[in-house]
Amino acid sequence: KQLAELEKREQKLAASLPKPGEVKEFNPDEAISEVFLRTVSRPPTDEEVRKAKEDIGAAKDPIDGVRDLLWAMLNTREFLVNH
């Protein structure tokens, strides 16, 4: 039963990923939420979203901004203590 649930999750994730050659529109709110959920296992506060959007906007491109956010979150005390 657990294997079936894992397979369903994997299929859902695979379906959400862009297909080769397909360009998926960048959604900063979605990216910020994903980074927080994957690093500190909680949604970001409104203030954290605001600051993250500023930082992503200041980067040379949004992908670099999200990478910087991810790196910053991996180095927070909250991440280090919880994981």
N, C-alpha and C. Protein backbone atom coordinates (compact mmCIF):
# COMPACT_ATOMS: atom_id res chain seq x y z
N LYS A 1 0.82 -1.19 0.00
CA LYS A 1 0.00 0.00 0.00
C LYS A 1 0.87 1.27 0.00
N GLN A 2 1.94 1.27 0.81
CA GLN A 2 2.83 2.43 0.85
C GLN A 2 3.51 2.63 -0.49
N LEU A 3 3.88 1.55 -1.13
CA LEU A 3 4.51 1.65 -2.44
C LEU A 3 3.56 2.27 -3.46
N ALA A 4 2.30 1.89 -3.40
CA ALA A 4 1.31 2.45 -4.32
C ALA A 4 1.16 3.96 -4.08
N GLU A 5 1.16 4.38 -2.82
CA GLU A 5 1.06 5.80 -2.50
C GLU A 5 2.28 6.56 -3.01
N LEU A 6 3.46 5.99 -2.83
CA LEU A 6 4.68 6.62 -3.33
C LEU A 6 4.66 6.74 -4.85
N GLU A 7 4.18 5.70 -5.53
CA GLU A 7 4.09 5.74 -6.98
C GLU A 7 3.11 6.82 -7.44
N LYS A 8 1.99 6.98 -6.72
CA LYS A 8 1.03 8.03 -7.06
C LYS A 8 1.65 9.41 -6.90
N ARG A 9 2.40 9.60 -5.81
CA ARG A 9 3.06 10.89 -5.58
C ARG A 9 4.09 11.17 -6.68
N GLU A 10 4.83 10.14 -7.05
CA GLU A 10 5.84 10.30 -8.10
C GLU A 10 5.19 10.66 -9.43
N GLN A 11 4.09 10.02 -9.75
CA GLN A 11 3.38 10.32 -10.99
C GLN A 11 2.83 11.75 -10.98
N LYS A 12 2.31 12.18 -9.83
CA LYS A 12 1.78 13.53 -9.70
C LYS A 12 2.90 14.55 -9.88
N LEU A 13 4.05 14.29 -9.26
CA LEU A 13 5.19 15.19 -9.40
C LEU A 13 5.67 15.22 -10.84
N ALA A 14 5.79 14.07 -11.47
CA ALA A 14 6.24 14.01 -12.86
C ALA A 14 5.28 14.76 -13.78
N ALA A 15 3.99 14.68 -13.51
CA ALA A 15 3.00 15.38 -14.33
C ALA A 15 3.10 16.89 -14.17
N SER A 16 3.57 17.34 -13.00
CA SER A 16 3.66 18.78 -12.75
C SER A 16 4.92 19.41 -13.34
N LEU A 17 5.90 18.59 -13.68
CA LEU A 17 7.15 19.11 -14.24
C LEU A 17 6.96 19.46 -15.71
N PRO A 18 7.67 20.50 -16.17
CA PRO A 18 7.56 20.85 -17.58
C PRO A 18 8.13 19.74 -18.47
N LYS A 19 7.53 19.56 -19.61
CA LYS A 19 8.02 18.57 -20.58
C LYS A 19 9.25 19.15 -21.28
N PRO A 20 10.10 18.29 -21.84
CA PRO A 20 11.27 18.81 -22.55
C PRO A 20 10.87 19.83 -23.62
N GLY A 21 11.51 20.97 -23.59
CA GLY A 21 11.23 22.03 -24.55
C GLY A 21 10.10 22.95 -24.13
N GLU A 22 9.34 22.55 -23.12
CA GLU A 22 8.23 23.37 -22.63
C GLU A 22 8.75 24.40 -21.63
N VAL A 23 8.27 25.61 -21.76
CA VAL A 23 8.67 26.67 -20.84
C VAL A 23 7.52 26.89 -19.86
N LYS A 24 7.84 26.73 -18.58
CA LYS A 24 6.83 26.94 -17.55
C LYS A 24 6.99 28.35 -17.01
N GLU A 25 5.87 29.05 -16.89
CA GLU A 25 5.91 30.42 -16.40
C GLU A 25 6.39 30.44 -14.96
N PHE A 26 7.31 31.35 -14.66
CA PHE A 26 7.87 31.47 -13.32
C PHE A 26 6.86 32.13 -12.39
N ASN A 27 6.59 31.50 -11.28
CA ASN A 27 5.67 32.03 -10.28
C ASN A 27 6.48 32.20 -8.98
N PRO A 28 6.86 33.43 -8.63
CA PRO A 28 7.71 33.63 -7.45
C PRO A 28 7.05 33.15 -6.16
N ASP A 29 5.75 33.34 -6.00
CA ASP A 29 5.08 32.89 -4.78
C ASP A 29 5.20 31.37 -4.62
N GLU A 30 5.00 30.67 -5.72
CA GLU A 30 5.09 29.21 -5.70
C GLU A 30 6.52 28.77 -5.39
N ALA A 31 7.50 29.41 -6.02
CA ALA A 31 8.90 29.06 -5.79
C ALA A 31 9.31 29.31 -4.34
N ILE A 32 8.90 30.44 -3.79
CA ILE A 32 9.24 30.78 -2.41
C ILE A 32 8.59 29.78 -1.46
N SER A 33 7.34 29.45 -1.68
CA SER A 33 6.66 28.47 -0.83
C SER A 33 7.35 27.12 -0.87
N GLU A 34 7.73 26.70 -2.07
CA GLU A 34 8.43 25.41 -2.21
C GLU A 34 9.75 25.41 -1.45
N VAL A 35 10.52 26.49 -1.55
CA VAL A 35 11.81 26.56 -0.85
C VAL A 35 11.58 26.44 0.65
N PHE A 36 10.62 27.16 1.19
CA PHE A 36 10.37 27.10 2.63
C PHE A 36 9.86 25.73 3.05
N LEU A 37 8.94 25.17 2.30
CA LEU A 37 8.41 23.86 2.67
C LEU A 37 9.49 22.78 2.62
N ARG A 38 10.37 22.87 1.66
CA ARG A 38 11.40 21.84 1.50
C ARG A 38 12.58 22.02 2.46
N THR A 39 12.76 23.21 3.00
CA THR A 39 13.89 23.42 3.91
C THR A 39 13.48 23.44 5.37
N VAL A 40 12.48 24.24 5.71
CA VAL A 40 12.11 24.37 7.12
C VAL A 40 10.72 23.79 7.42
N SER A 41 10.14 23.13 6.44
CA SER A 41 8.87 22.40 6.61
C SER A 41 7.73 23.27 7.12
N ARG A 42 7.68 24.48 6.64
CA ARG A 42 6.57 25.37 6.98
C ARG A 42 6.42 26.41 5.88
N PRO A 43 5.24 27.00 5.78
CA PRO A 43 5.06 28.07 4.79
C PRO A 43 5.76 29.34 5.27
N PRO A 44 6.16 30.20 4.35
CA PRO A 44 6.78 31.46 4.75
C PRO A 44 5.76 32.44 5.31
N THR A 45 6.22 33.32 6.19
CA THR A 45 5.35 34.39 6.68
C THR A 45 5.22 35.44 5.58
N ASP A 46 4.28 36.35 5.75
CA ASP A 46 4.11 37.43 4.77
C ASP A 46 5.39 38.26 4.64
N GLU A 47 6.04 38.52 5.75
CA GLU A 47 7.29 39.29 5.73
C GLU A 47 8.40 38.53 5.01
N GLU A 48 8.48 37.23 5.21
CA GLU A 48 9.48 36.41 4.52
C GLU A 48 9.22 36.40 3.01
N VAL A 49 7.96 36.32 2.62
CA VAL A 49 7.62 36.36 1.19
C VAL A 49 8.04 37.70 0.60
N ARG A 50 7.72 38.78 1.29
CA ARG A 50 8.07 40.11 0.81
C ARG A 50 9.57 40.25 0.61
N LYS A 51 10.34 39.82 1.61
CA LYS A 51 11.80 39.93 1.54
C LYS A 51 12.36 39.03 0.43
N ALA A 52 11.83 37.81 0.33
CA ALA A 52 12.30 36.87 -0.69
C ALA A 52 12.03 37.42 -2.09
N LYS A 53 10.85 38.03 -2.29
CA LYS A 53 10.53 38.62 -3.60
C LYS A 53 11.50 39.76 -3.93
N GLU A 54 11.84 40.56 -2.94
CA GLU A 54 12.82 41.63 -3.16
C GLU A 54 14.16 41.04 -3.59
N ASP A 55 14.60 40.01 -2.88
CA ASP A 55 15.90 39.40 -3.18
C ASP A 55 15.90 38.73 -4.55
N ILE A 56 14.82 38.04 -4.88
CA ILE A 56 14.73 37.39 -6.19
C ILE A 56 14.71 38.45 -7.29
N GLY A 57 13.99 39.55 -7.06
CA GLY A 57 13.93 40.63 -8.03
C GLY A 57 15.26 41.33 -8.24
N ALA A 58 16.11 41.33 -7.21
CA ALA A 58 17.41 41.98 -7.30
C ALA A 58 18.47 41.11 -7.97
N ALA A 59 18.18 39.81 -8.12
CA ALA A 59 19.14 38.89 -8.75
C ALA A 59 19.18 39.14 -10.25
N LYS A 60 20.25 38.63 -10.90
CA LYS A 60 20.37 38.85 -12.35
C LYS A 60 19.28 38.14 -13.14
N ASP A 61 18.76 37.02 -12.60
CA ASP A 61 17.57 36.39 -13.18
C ASP A 61 16.86 35.63 -12.06
N PRO A 62 15.57 35.34 -12.24
CA PRO A 62 14.80 34.71 -11.16
C PRO A 62 15.35 33.37 -10.68
N ILE A 63 15.90 32.59 -11.58
CA ILE A 63 16.43 31.29 -11.18
C ILE A 63 17.60 31.47 -10.21
N ASP A 64 18.49 32.41 -10.52
CA ASP A 64 19.58 32.68 -9.59
C ASP A 64 19.06 33.19 -8.26
N GLY A 65 18.00 33.99 -8.29
CA GLY A 65 17.41 34.48 -7.06
C GLY A 65 16.86 33.36 -6.20
N VAL A 66 16.20 32.40 -6.82
CA VAL A 66 15.66 31.25 -6.08
C VAL A 66 16.81 30.40 -5.55
N ARG A 67 17.85 30.21 -6.34
CA ARG A 67 19.02 29.46 -5.85
C ARG A 67 19.62 30.14 -4.63
N ASP A 68 19.74 31.46 -4.67
CA ASP A 68 20.27 32.21 -3.53
C ASP A 68 19.37 32.04 -2.31
N LEU A 69 18.05 32.09 -2.52
CA LEU A 69 17.11 31.90 -1.42
C LEU A 69 17.27 30.51 -0.82
N LEU A 70 17.37 29.50 -1.67
CA LEU A 70 17.53 28.13 -1.20
C LEU A 70 18.82 28.00 -0.38
N TRP A 71 19.90 28.55 -0.89
CA TRP A 71 21.18 28.48 -0.17
C TRP A 71 21.07 29.19 1.18
N ALA A 72 20.42 30.34 1.20
CA ALA A 72 20.25 31.08 2.46
C ALA A 72 19.42 30.26 3.45
N MET A 73 18.37 29.62 2.97
CA MET A 73 17.53 28.82 3.86
C MET A 73 18.27 27.60 4.40
N LEU A 74 19.11 27.01 3.58
CA LEU A 74 19.90 25.85 4.04
C LEU A 74 20.90 26.25 5.12
N ASN A 75 21.22 27.52 5.21
CA ASN A 75 22.18 27.99 6.19
C ASN A 75 21.54 28.69 7.40
N THR A 76 20.21 28.63 7.49
CA THR A 76 19.55 29.25 8.64
C THR A 76 19.66 28.34 9.86
N ARG A 77 19.61 28.95 11.02
CA ARG A 77 19.62 28.17 12.27
C ARG A 77 18.41 27.25 12.31
N GLU A 78 17.26 27.74 11.81
CA GLU A 78 16.05 26.92 11.82
C GLU A 78 16.25 25.61 11.06
N PHE A 79 16.89 25.68 9.90
CA PHE A 79 17.15 24.46 9.13
C PHE A 79 18.17 23.58 9.84
N LEU A 80 19.26 24.19 10.32
CA LEU A 80 20.33 23.42 10.94
C LEU A 80 19.86 22.72 12.22
N VAL A 81 19.02 23.37 13.00
CA VAL A 81 18.53 22.76 14.24
C VAL A 81 17.51 21.66 13.96
N ASN A 82 16.65 21.88 12.99
CA ASN A 82 15.60 20.90 12.69
C ASN A 82 16.08 19.70 11.89
N HIS A 83 17.18 19.87 11.16
CA HIS A 83 17.61 18.78 10.29
C HIS A 83 19.03 18.42 10.58
